[in-house]
């Protein structure tokens, strides 16, 4: 799960940086899509944060279940 979380984090960083650059370029050129790109950038950032948070919860849950199994065997 740690590897999955790292891959998701790197993909998220690349996507968010790309969106920020695109938003900046659209803002400088005066495009009407600037506000839409700002909203998209915030939305993607929040979705990625929730995804990484959910992966961390699943990871902790699977670790917790594994510890209970070893306690039962001892």
PDB file of N, CA and C in Angstrom:
ATOM      1  N   UNK A   1       0.809  -1.197   0.000  1.00  0.00           N
ATOM      2  CA  UNK A   1       0.000   0.000   0.000  1.00  0.00           C
ATOM      3  C   UNK A   1       0.858   1.269   0.000  1.00  0.00           C
ATOM      4  N   UNK A   2       2.038   1.190   0.626  1.00  0.00           N
ATOM      5  CA  UNK A   2       2.895   2.365   0.671  1.00  0.00           C
ATOM      6  C   UNK A   2       3.316   2.766  -0.735  1.00  0.00           C
ATOM      7  N   UNK A   3       3.603   1.775  -1.572  1.00  0.00           N
ATOM      8  CA  UNK A   3       4.014   2.048  -2.951  1.00  0.00           C
ATOM      9  C   UNK A   3       2.863   2.703  -3.723  1.00  0.00           C
ATOM     10  N   UNK A   4       1.644   2.215  -3.505  1.00  0.00           N
ATOM     11  CA  UNK A   4       0.471   2.797  -4.161  1.00  0.00           C
ATOM     12  C   UNK A   4       0.287   4.248  -3.740  1.00  0.00           C
ATOM     13  N   UNK A   5       0.485   4.519  -2.457  1.00  0.00           N
ATOM     14  CA  UNK A   5       0.343   5.891  -1.961  1.00  0.00           C
ATOM     15  C   UNK A   5       1.405   6.806  -2.564  1.00  0.00           C
ATOM     16  N   UNK A   6       2.623   6.302  -2.720  1.00  0.00           N
ATOM     17  CA  UNK A   6       3.691   7.102  -3.320  1.00  0.00           C
ATOM     18  C   UNK A   6       3.412   7.386  -4.791  1.00  0.00           C
ATOM     19  N   UNK A   7       2.939   6.393  -5.516  1.00  0.00           N
ATOM     20  CA  UNK A   7       2.619   6.582  -6.938  1.00  0.00           C
ATOM     21  C   UNK A   7       1.495   7.591  -7.091  1.00  0.00           C
ATOM     22  N   UNK A   8       0.457   7.466  -6.267  1.00  0.00           N
ATOM     23  CA  UNK A   8      -0.667   8.412  -6.337  1.00  0.00           C
ATOM     24  C   UNK A   8      -0.206   9.828  -5.997  1.00  0.00           C
ATOM     25  N   UNK A   9       0.697   9.943  -5.034  1.00  0.00           N
ATOM     26  CA  UNK A   9       1.199  11.270  -4.654  1.00  0.00           C
ATOM     27  C   UNK A   9       1.989  11.902  -5.796  1.00  0.00           C
ATOM     28  N   UNK A  10       2.862  11.126  -6.454  1.00  0.00           N
ATOM     29  CA  UNK A  10       3.647  11.673  -7.562  1.00  0.00           C
ATOM     30  C   UNK A  10       2.763  12.060  -8.736  1.00  0.00           C
ATOM     31  N   UNK A  11       1.788  11.236  -9.051  1.00  0.00           N
ATOM     32  CA  UNK A  11       0.863  11.582 -10.134  1.00  0.00           C
ATOM     33  C   UNK A  11       0.100  12.840  -9.777  1.00  0.00           C
ATOM     34  N   UNK A  12      -0.324  12.939  -8.514  1.00  0.00           N
ATOM     35  CA  UNK A  12      -1.040  14.134  -8.061  1.00  0.00           C
ATOM     36  C   UNK A  12      -0.201  15.388  -8.158  1.00  0.00           C
ATOM     37  N   UNK A  13       1.067  15.288  -7.787  1.00  0.00           N
ATOM     38  CA  UNK A  13       1.960  16.448  -7.873  1.00  0.00           C
ATOM     39  C   UNK A  13       2.108  16.906  -9.310  1.00  0.00           C
ATOM     40  N   UNK A  14       2.311  15.963 -10.218  1.00  0.00           N
ATOM     41  CA  UNK A  14       2.480  16.311 -11.636  1.00  0.00           C
ATOM     42  C   UNK A  14       1.216  16.953 -12.200  1.00  0.00           C
ATOM     43  N   UNK A  15       0.060  16.385 -11.869  1.00  0.00           N
ATOM     44  CA  UNK A  15      -1.202  16.932 -12.379  1.00  0.00           C
ATOM     45  C   UNK A  15      -1.460  18.331 -11.831  1.00  0.00           C
ATOM     46  N   UNK A  16      -1.264  18.513 -10.532  1.00  0.00           N
ATOM     47  CA  UNK A  16      -1.536  19.820  -9.921  1.00  0.00           C
ATOM     48  C   UNK A  16      -0.565  20.884 -10.446  1.00  0.00           C
ATOM     49  N   UNK A  17       0.706  20.534 -10.592  1.00  0.00           N
ATOM     50  CA  UNK A  17       1.672  21.498 -11.142  1.00  0.00           C
ATOM     51  C   UNK A  17       1.284  21.872 -12.572  1.00  0.00           C
ATOM     52  N   UNK A  18       0.874  20.888 -13.362  1.00  0.00           N
ATOM     53  CA  UNK A  18       0.421  21.180 -14.728  1.00  0.00           C
ATOM     54  C   UNK A  18      -0.788  22.091 -14.751  1.00  0.00           C
ATOM     55  N   UNK A  19      -1.737  21.847 -13.850  1.00  0.00           N
ATOM     56  CA  UNK A  19      -2.919  22.703 -13.785  1.00  0.00           C
ATOM     57  C   UNK A  19      -2.573  24.120 -13.334  1.00  0.00           C
ATOM     58  N   UNK A  20      -1.651  24.248 -12.392  1.00  0.00           N
ATOM     59  CA  UNK A  20      -1.245  25.578 -11.931  1.00  0.00           C
ATOM     60  C   UNK A  20      -0.564  26.349 -13.057  1.00  0.00           C
ATOM     61  N   UNK A  21       0.304  25.676 -13.804  1.00  0.00           N
ATOM     62  CA  UNK A  21       0.975  26.330 -14.934  1.00  0.00           C
ATOM     63  C   UNK A  21      -0.046  26.748 -15.993  1.00  0.00           C
ATOM     64  N   UNK A  22      -0.984  25.855 -16.303  1.00  0.00           N
ATOM     65  CA  UNK A  22      -2.020  26.179 -17.290  1.00  0.00           C
ATOM     66  C   UNK A  22      -2.882  27.344 -16.810  1.00  0.00           C
ATOM     67  N   UNK A  23      -3.216  27.365 -15.524  1.00  0.00           N
ATOM     68  CA  UNK A  23      -4.009  28.466 -14.973  1.00  0.00           C
ATOM     69  C   UNK A  23      -3.242  29.779 -15.070  1.00  0.00           C
ATOM     70  N   UNK A  24      -1.966  29.733 -14.771  1.00  0.00           N
ATOM     71  CA  UNK A  24      -1.135  30.938 -14.853  1.00  0.00           C
ATOM     72  C   UNK A  24      -1.077  31.465 -16.287  1.00  0.00           C
ATOM     73  N   UNK A  25      -0.854  30.565 -17.233  1.00  0.00           N
ATOM     74  CA  UNK A  25      -0.772  30.975 -18.638  1.00  0.00           C
ATOM     75  C   UNK A  25      -2.105  31.564 -19.105  1.00  0.00           C
ATOM     76  N   UNK A  26      -3.201  30.909 -18.743  1.00  0.00           N
ATOM     77  CA  UNK A  26      -4.511  31.438 -19.132  1.00  0.00           C
ATOM     78  C   UNK A  26      -4.791  32.774 -18.462  1.00  0.00           C
ATOM     79  N   UNK A  27      -4.339  32.950 -17.234  1.00  0.00           N
ATOM     80  CA  UNK A  27      -4.536  34.222 -16.544  1.00  0.00           C
ATOM     81  C   UNK A  27      -3.743  35.350 -17.171  1.00  0.00           C
ATOM     82  N   UNK A  28      -2.520  35.050 -17.580  1.00  0.00           N
ATOM     83  CA  UNK A  28      -1.673  36.075 -18.197  1.00  0.00           C
ATOM     84  C   UNK A  28      -2.212  36.473 -19.568  1.00  0.00           C
ATOM     85  N   UNK A  29      -2.720  35.502 -20.307  1.00  0.00           N
ATOM     86  CA  UNK A  29      -3.243  35.805 -21.641  1.00  0.00           C
ATOM     87  C   UNK A  29      -4.629  36.430 -21.598  1.00  0.00           C
ATOM     88  N   UNK A  30      -5.273  36.408 -20.448  1.00  0.00           N
ATOM     89  CA  UNK A  30      -6.584  37.039 -20.321  1.00  0.00           C
ATOM     90  C   UNK A  30      -7.720  36.181 -20.848  1.00  0.00           C
ATOM     91  N   UNK A  31      -7.559  34.889 -20.817  1.00  0.00           N
ATOM     92  CA  UNK A  31      -8.592  33.987 -21.314  1.00  0.00           C
ATOM     93  C   UNK A  31      -9.789  33.960 -20.368  1.00  0.00           C
ATOM     94  N   UNK A  32     -10.934  33.649 -20.929  1.00  0.00           N
ATOM     95  CA  UNK A  32     -12.141  33.551 -20.112  1.00  0.00           C
ATOM     96  C   UNK A  32     -12.196  32.225 -19.346  1.00  0.00           C
ATOM     97  N   UNK A  33     -11.274  31.327 -19.610  1.00  0.00           N
ATOM     98  CA  UNK A  33     -11.247  30.033 -18.936  1.00  0.00           C
ATOM     99  C   UNK A  33     -10.443  30.048 -17.631  1.00  0.00           C
ATOM    100  N   UNK A  34      -9.935  31.193 -17.236  1.00  0.00           N
ATOM    101  CA  UNK A  34      -9.081  31.275 -16.052  1.00  0.00           C
ATOM    102  C   UNK A  34      -9.818  30.840 -14.794  1.00  0.00           C
ATOM    103  N   UNK A  35     -11.026  31.329 -14.595  1.00  0.00           N
ATOM    104  CA  UNK A  35     -11.802  30.974 -13.403  1.00  0.00           C
ATOM    105  C   UNK A  35     -12.117  29.484 -13.400  1.00  0.00           C
ATOM    106  N   UNK A  36     -12.443  28.947 -14.565  1.00  0.00           N
ATOM    107  CA  UNK A  36     -12.721  27.512 -14.661  1.00  0.00           C
ATOM    108  C   UNK A  36     -11.494  26.687 -14.295  1.00  0.00           C
ATOM    109  N   UNK A  37     -10.333  27.128 -14.743  1.00  0.00           N
ATOM    110  CA  UNK A  37      -9.106  26.413 -14.418  1.00  0.00           C
ATOM    111  C   UNK A  37      -8.777  26.520 -12.925  1.00  0.00           C
ATOM    112  N   UNK A  38      -9.056  27.655 -12.315  1.00  0.00           N
ATOM    113  CA  UNK A  38      -8.853  27.791 -10.874  1.00  0.00           C
ATOM    114  C   UNK A  38      -9.736  26.807 -10.102  1.00  0.00           C
ATOM    115  N   UNK A  39     -10.990  26.729 -10.501  1.00  0.00           N
ATOM    116  CA  UNK A  39     -11.915  25.801  -9.848  1.00  0.00           C
ATOM    117  C   UNK A  39     -11.467  24.357 -10.076  1.00  0.00           C
ATOM    118  N   UNK A  40     -11.040  24.035 -11.285  1.00  0.00           N
ATOM    119  CA  UNK A  40     -10.559  22.693 -11.595  1.00  0.00           C
ATOM    120  C   UNK A  40      -9.311  22.354 -10.778  1.00  0.00           C
ATOM    121  N   UNK A  41      -8.409  23.296 -10.639  1.00  0.00           N
ATOM    122  CA  UNK A  41      -7.194  23.070  -9.862  1.00  0.00           C
ATOM    123  C   UNK A  41      -7.530  22.781  -8.402  1.00  0.00           C
ATOM    124  N   UNK A  42      -8.434  23.563  -7.830  1.00  0.00           N
ATOM    125  CA  UNK A  42      -8.828  23.319  -6.448  1.00  0.00           C
ATOM    126  C   UNK A  42      -9.557  21.992  -6.304  1.00  0.00           C
ATOM    127  N   UNK A  43     -10.438  21.680  -7.242  1.00  0.00           N
ATOM    128  CA  UNK A  43     -11.184  20.430  -7.176  1.00  0.00           C
ATOM    129  C   UNK A  43     -10.291  19.212  -7.273  1.00  0.00           C
ATOM    130  N   UNK A  44      -9.350  19.233  -8.199  1.00  0.00           N
ATOM    131  CA  UNK A  44      -8.429  18.105  -8.354  1.00  0.00           C
ATOM    132  C   UNK A  44      -7.558  17.961  -7.115  1.00  0.00           C
ATOM    133  N   UNK A  45      -7.107  19.062  -6.546  1.00  0.00           N
ATOM    134  CA  UNK A  45      -6.289  19.002  -5.337  1.00  0.00           C
ATOM    135  C   UNK A  45      -7.064  18.362  -4.186  1.00  0.00           C
ATOM    136  N   UNK A  46      -8.314  18.747  -4.018  1.00  0.00           N
ATOM    137  CA  UNK A  46      -9.135  18.184  -2.944  1.00  0.00           C
ATOM    138  C   UNK A  46      -9.401  16.702  -3.179  1.00  0.00           C
ATOM    139  N   UNK A  47      -9.705  16.327  -4.413  1.00  0.00           N
ATOM    140  CA  UNK A  47      -9.958  14.924  -4.732  1.00  0.00           C
ATOM    141  C   UNK A  47      -8.716  14.076  -4.477  1.00  0.00           C
ATOM    142  N   UNK A  48      -7.549  14.562  -4.848  1.00  0.00           N
ATOM    143  CA  UNK A  48      -6.313  13.824  -4.608  1.00  0.00           C
ATOM    144  C   UNK A  48      -6.025  13.702  -3.119  1.00  0.00           C
ATOM    145  N   UNK A  49      -6.300  14.755  -2.356  1.00  0.00           N
ATOM    146  CA  UNK A  49      -6.095  14.702  -0.914  1.00  0.00           C
ATOM    147  C   UNK A  49      -6.997  13.641  -0.289  1.00  0.00           C
ATOM    148  N   UNK A  50      -8.263  13.605  -0.717  1.00  0.00           N
ATOM    149  CA  UNK A  50      -9.203  12.614  -0.192  1.00  0.00           C
ATOM    150  C   UNK A  50      -8.762  11.201  -0.585  1.00  0.00           C
ATOM    151  N   UNK A  51      -8.286  11.027  -1.819  1.00  0.00           N
ATOM    152  CA  UNK A  51      -7.811   9.726  -2.267  1.00  0.00           C
ATOM    153  C   UNK A  51      -6.637   9.246  -1.420  1.00  0.00           C
ATOM    154  N   UNK A  52      -5.661  10.103  -1.197  1.00  0.00           N
ATOM    155  CA  UNK A  52      -4.510   9.725  -0.384  1.00  0.00           C
ATOM    156  C   UNK A  52      -4.905   9.458   1.070  1.00  0.00           C
ATOM    157  N   UNK A  53      -5.853  10.211   1.583  1.00  0.00           N
ATOM    158  CA  UNK A  53      -6.355  10.011   2.934  1.00  0.00           C
ATOM    159  C   UNK A  53      -7.050   8.650   3.035  1.00  0.00           C
ATOM    160  N   UNK A  54      -7.849   8.313   2.027  1.00  0.00           N
ATOM    161  CA  UNK A  54      -8.559   7.044   2.003  1.00  0.00           C
ATOM    162  C   UNK A  54      -7.582   5.870   1.922  1.00  0.00           C
ATOM    163  N   UNK A  55      -6.535   6.001   1.108  1.00  0.00           N
ATOM    164  CA  UNK A  55      -5.520   4.946   1.011  1.00  0.00           C
ATOM    165  C   UNK A  55      -4.839   4.760   2.361  1.00  0.00           C
ATOM    166  N   UNK A  56      -4.554   5.863   3.062  1.00  0.00           N
ATOM    167  CA  UNK A  56      -3.917   5.767   4.370  1.00  0.00           C
ATOM    168  C   UNK A  56      -4.831   5.066   5.377  1.00  0.00           C
ATOM    169  N   UNK A  57      -6.131   5.350   5.319  1.00  0.00           N
ATOM    170  CA  UNK A  57      -7.076   4.681   6.224  1.00  0.00           C
ATOM    171  C   UNK A  57      -7.109   3.187   5.936  1.00  0.00           C
ATOM    172  N   UNK A  58      -7.157   2.817   4.659  1.00  0.00           N
ATOM    173  CA  UNK A  58      -7.159   1.399   4.310  1.00  0.00           C
ATOM    174  C   UNK A  58      -5.873   0.715   4.756  1.00  0.00           C
ATOM    175  N   UNK A  59      -4.766   1.412   4.629  1.00  0.00           N
ATOM    176  CA  UNK A  59      -3.482   0.858   5.052  1.00  0.00           C
ATOM    177  C   UNK A  59      -3.463   0.620   6.557  1.00  0.00           C
ATOM    178  N   UNK A  60      -3.952   1.578   7.321  1.00  0.00           N
ATOM    179  CA  UNK A  60      -3.994   1.426   8.777  1.00  0.00           C
ATOM    180  C   UNK A  60      -4.953   0.318   9.183  1.00  0.00           C
ATOM    181  N   UNK A  61      -6.061   0.204   8.477  1.00  0.00           N
ATOM    182  CA  UNK A  61      -7.038  -0.829   8.790  1.00  0.00           C
ATOM    183  C   UNK A  61      -6.449  -2.217   8.535  1.00  0.00           C
ATOM    184  N   UNK A  62      -5.734  -2.364   7.412  1.00  0.00           N
ATOM    185  CA  UNK A  62      -5.143  -3.669   7.116  1.00  0.00           C
ATOM    186  C   UNK A  62      -4.025  -3.991   8.096  1.00  0.00           C
ATOM    187  N   UNK A  63      -3.281  -2.993   8.534  1.00  0.00           N
ATOM    188  CA  UNK A  63      -2.237  -3.224   9.541  1.00  0.00           C
ATOM    189  C   UNK A  63      -2.864  -3.592  10.882  1.00  0.00           C
ATOM    190  N   UNK A  64      -3.957  -2.965  11.222  1.00  0.00           N
ATOM    191  CA  UNK A  64      -4.640  -3.257  12.481  1.00  0.00           C
ATOM    192  C   UNK A  64      -5.193  -4.667  12.512  1.00  0.00           C
ATOM    193  N   UNK A  65      -5.748  -5.135  11.412  1.00  0.00           N
ATOM    194  CA  UNK A  65      -6.283  -6.489  11.350  1.00  0.00           C
ATOM    195  C   UNK A  65      -5.168  -7.510  11.456  1.00  0.00           C
ATOM    196  N   UNK A  66      -4.028  -7.212  10.855  1.00  0.00           N
ATOM    197  CA  UNK A  66      -2.897  -8.119  10.923  1.00  0.00           C
ATOM    198  C   UNK A  66      -2.380  -8.265  12.342  1.00  0.00           C
ATOM    199  N   UNK A  67      -2.403  -7.182  13.113  1.00  0.00           N
ATOM    200  CA  UNK A  67      -1.937  -7.234  14.489  1.00  0.00           C
ATOM    201  C   UNK A  67      -2.896  -8.039  15.349  1.00  0.00           C
ATOM    202  N   UNK A  68      -4.184  -7.941  15.106  1.00  0.00           N
ATOM    203  CA  UNK A  68      -5.159  -8.715  15.881  1.00  0.00           C
ATOM    204  C   UNK A  68      -4.988 -10.200  15.626  1.00  0.00           C
ATOM    205  N   UNK A  69      -4.677 -10.586  14.380  1.00  0.00           N
ATOM    206  CA  UNK A  69      -4.483 -11.988  14.060  1.00  0.00           C
ATOM    207  C   UNK A  69      -3.279 -12.557  14.787  1.00  0.00           C
ATOM    208  N   UNK A  70      -2.190 -11.790  14.868  1.00  0.00           N
ATOM    209  CA  UNK A  70      -1.003 -12.291  15.553  1.00  0.00           C
ATOM    210  C   UNK A  70      -1.237 -12.380  17.058  1.00  0.00           C
ATOM    211  N   UNK A  71      -2.055 -11.477  17.615  1.00  0.00           N
ATOM    212  CA  UNK A  71      -2.363 -11.543  19.042  1.00  0.00           C
ATOM    213  C   UNK A  71      -3.195 -12.774  19.361  1.00  0.00           C
ATOM    214  N   UNK A  72      -4.102 -13.147  18.484  1.00  0.00           N
ATOM    215  CA  UNK A  72      -4.939 -14.322  18.700  1.00  0.00           C
ATOM    216  C   UNK A  72      -4.120 -15.609  18.665  1.00  0.00           C
ATOM    217  N   UNK A  73      -3.112 -15.644  17.790  1.00  0.00           N
ATOM    218  CA  UNK A  73      -2.284 -16.843  17.667  1.00  0.00           C
ATOM    219  C   UNK A  73      -1.385 -17.035  18.882  1.00  0.00           C
ATOM    220  N   UNK A  74      -0.992 -15.959  19.521  1.00  0.00           N
ATOM    221  CA  UNK A  74      -0.099 -16.058  20.683  1.00  0.00           C
ATOM    222  C   UNK A  74      -0.893 -16.344  21.894  1.00  0.00           C
TER     223      UNK A  74
END
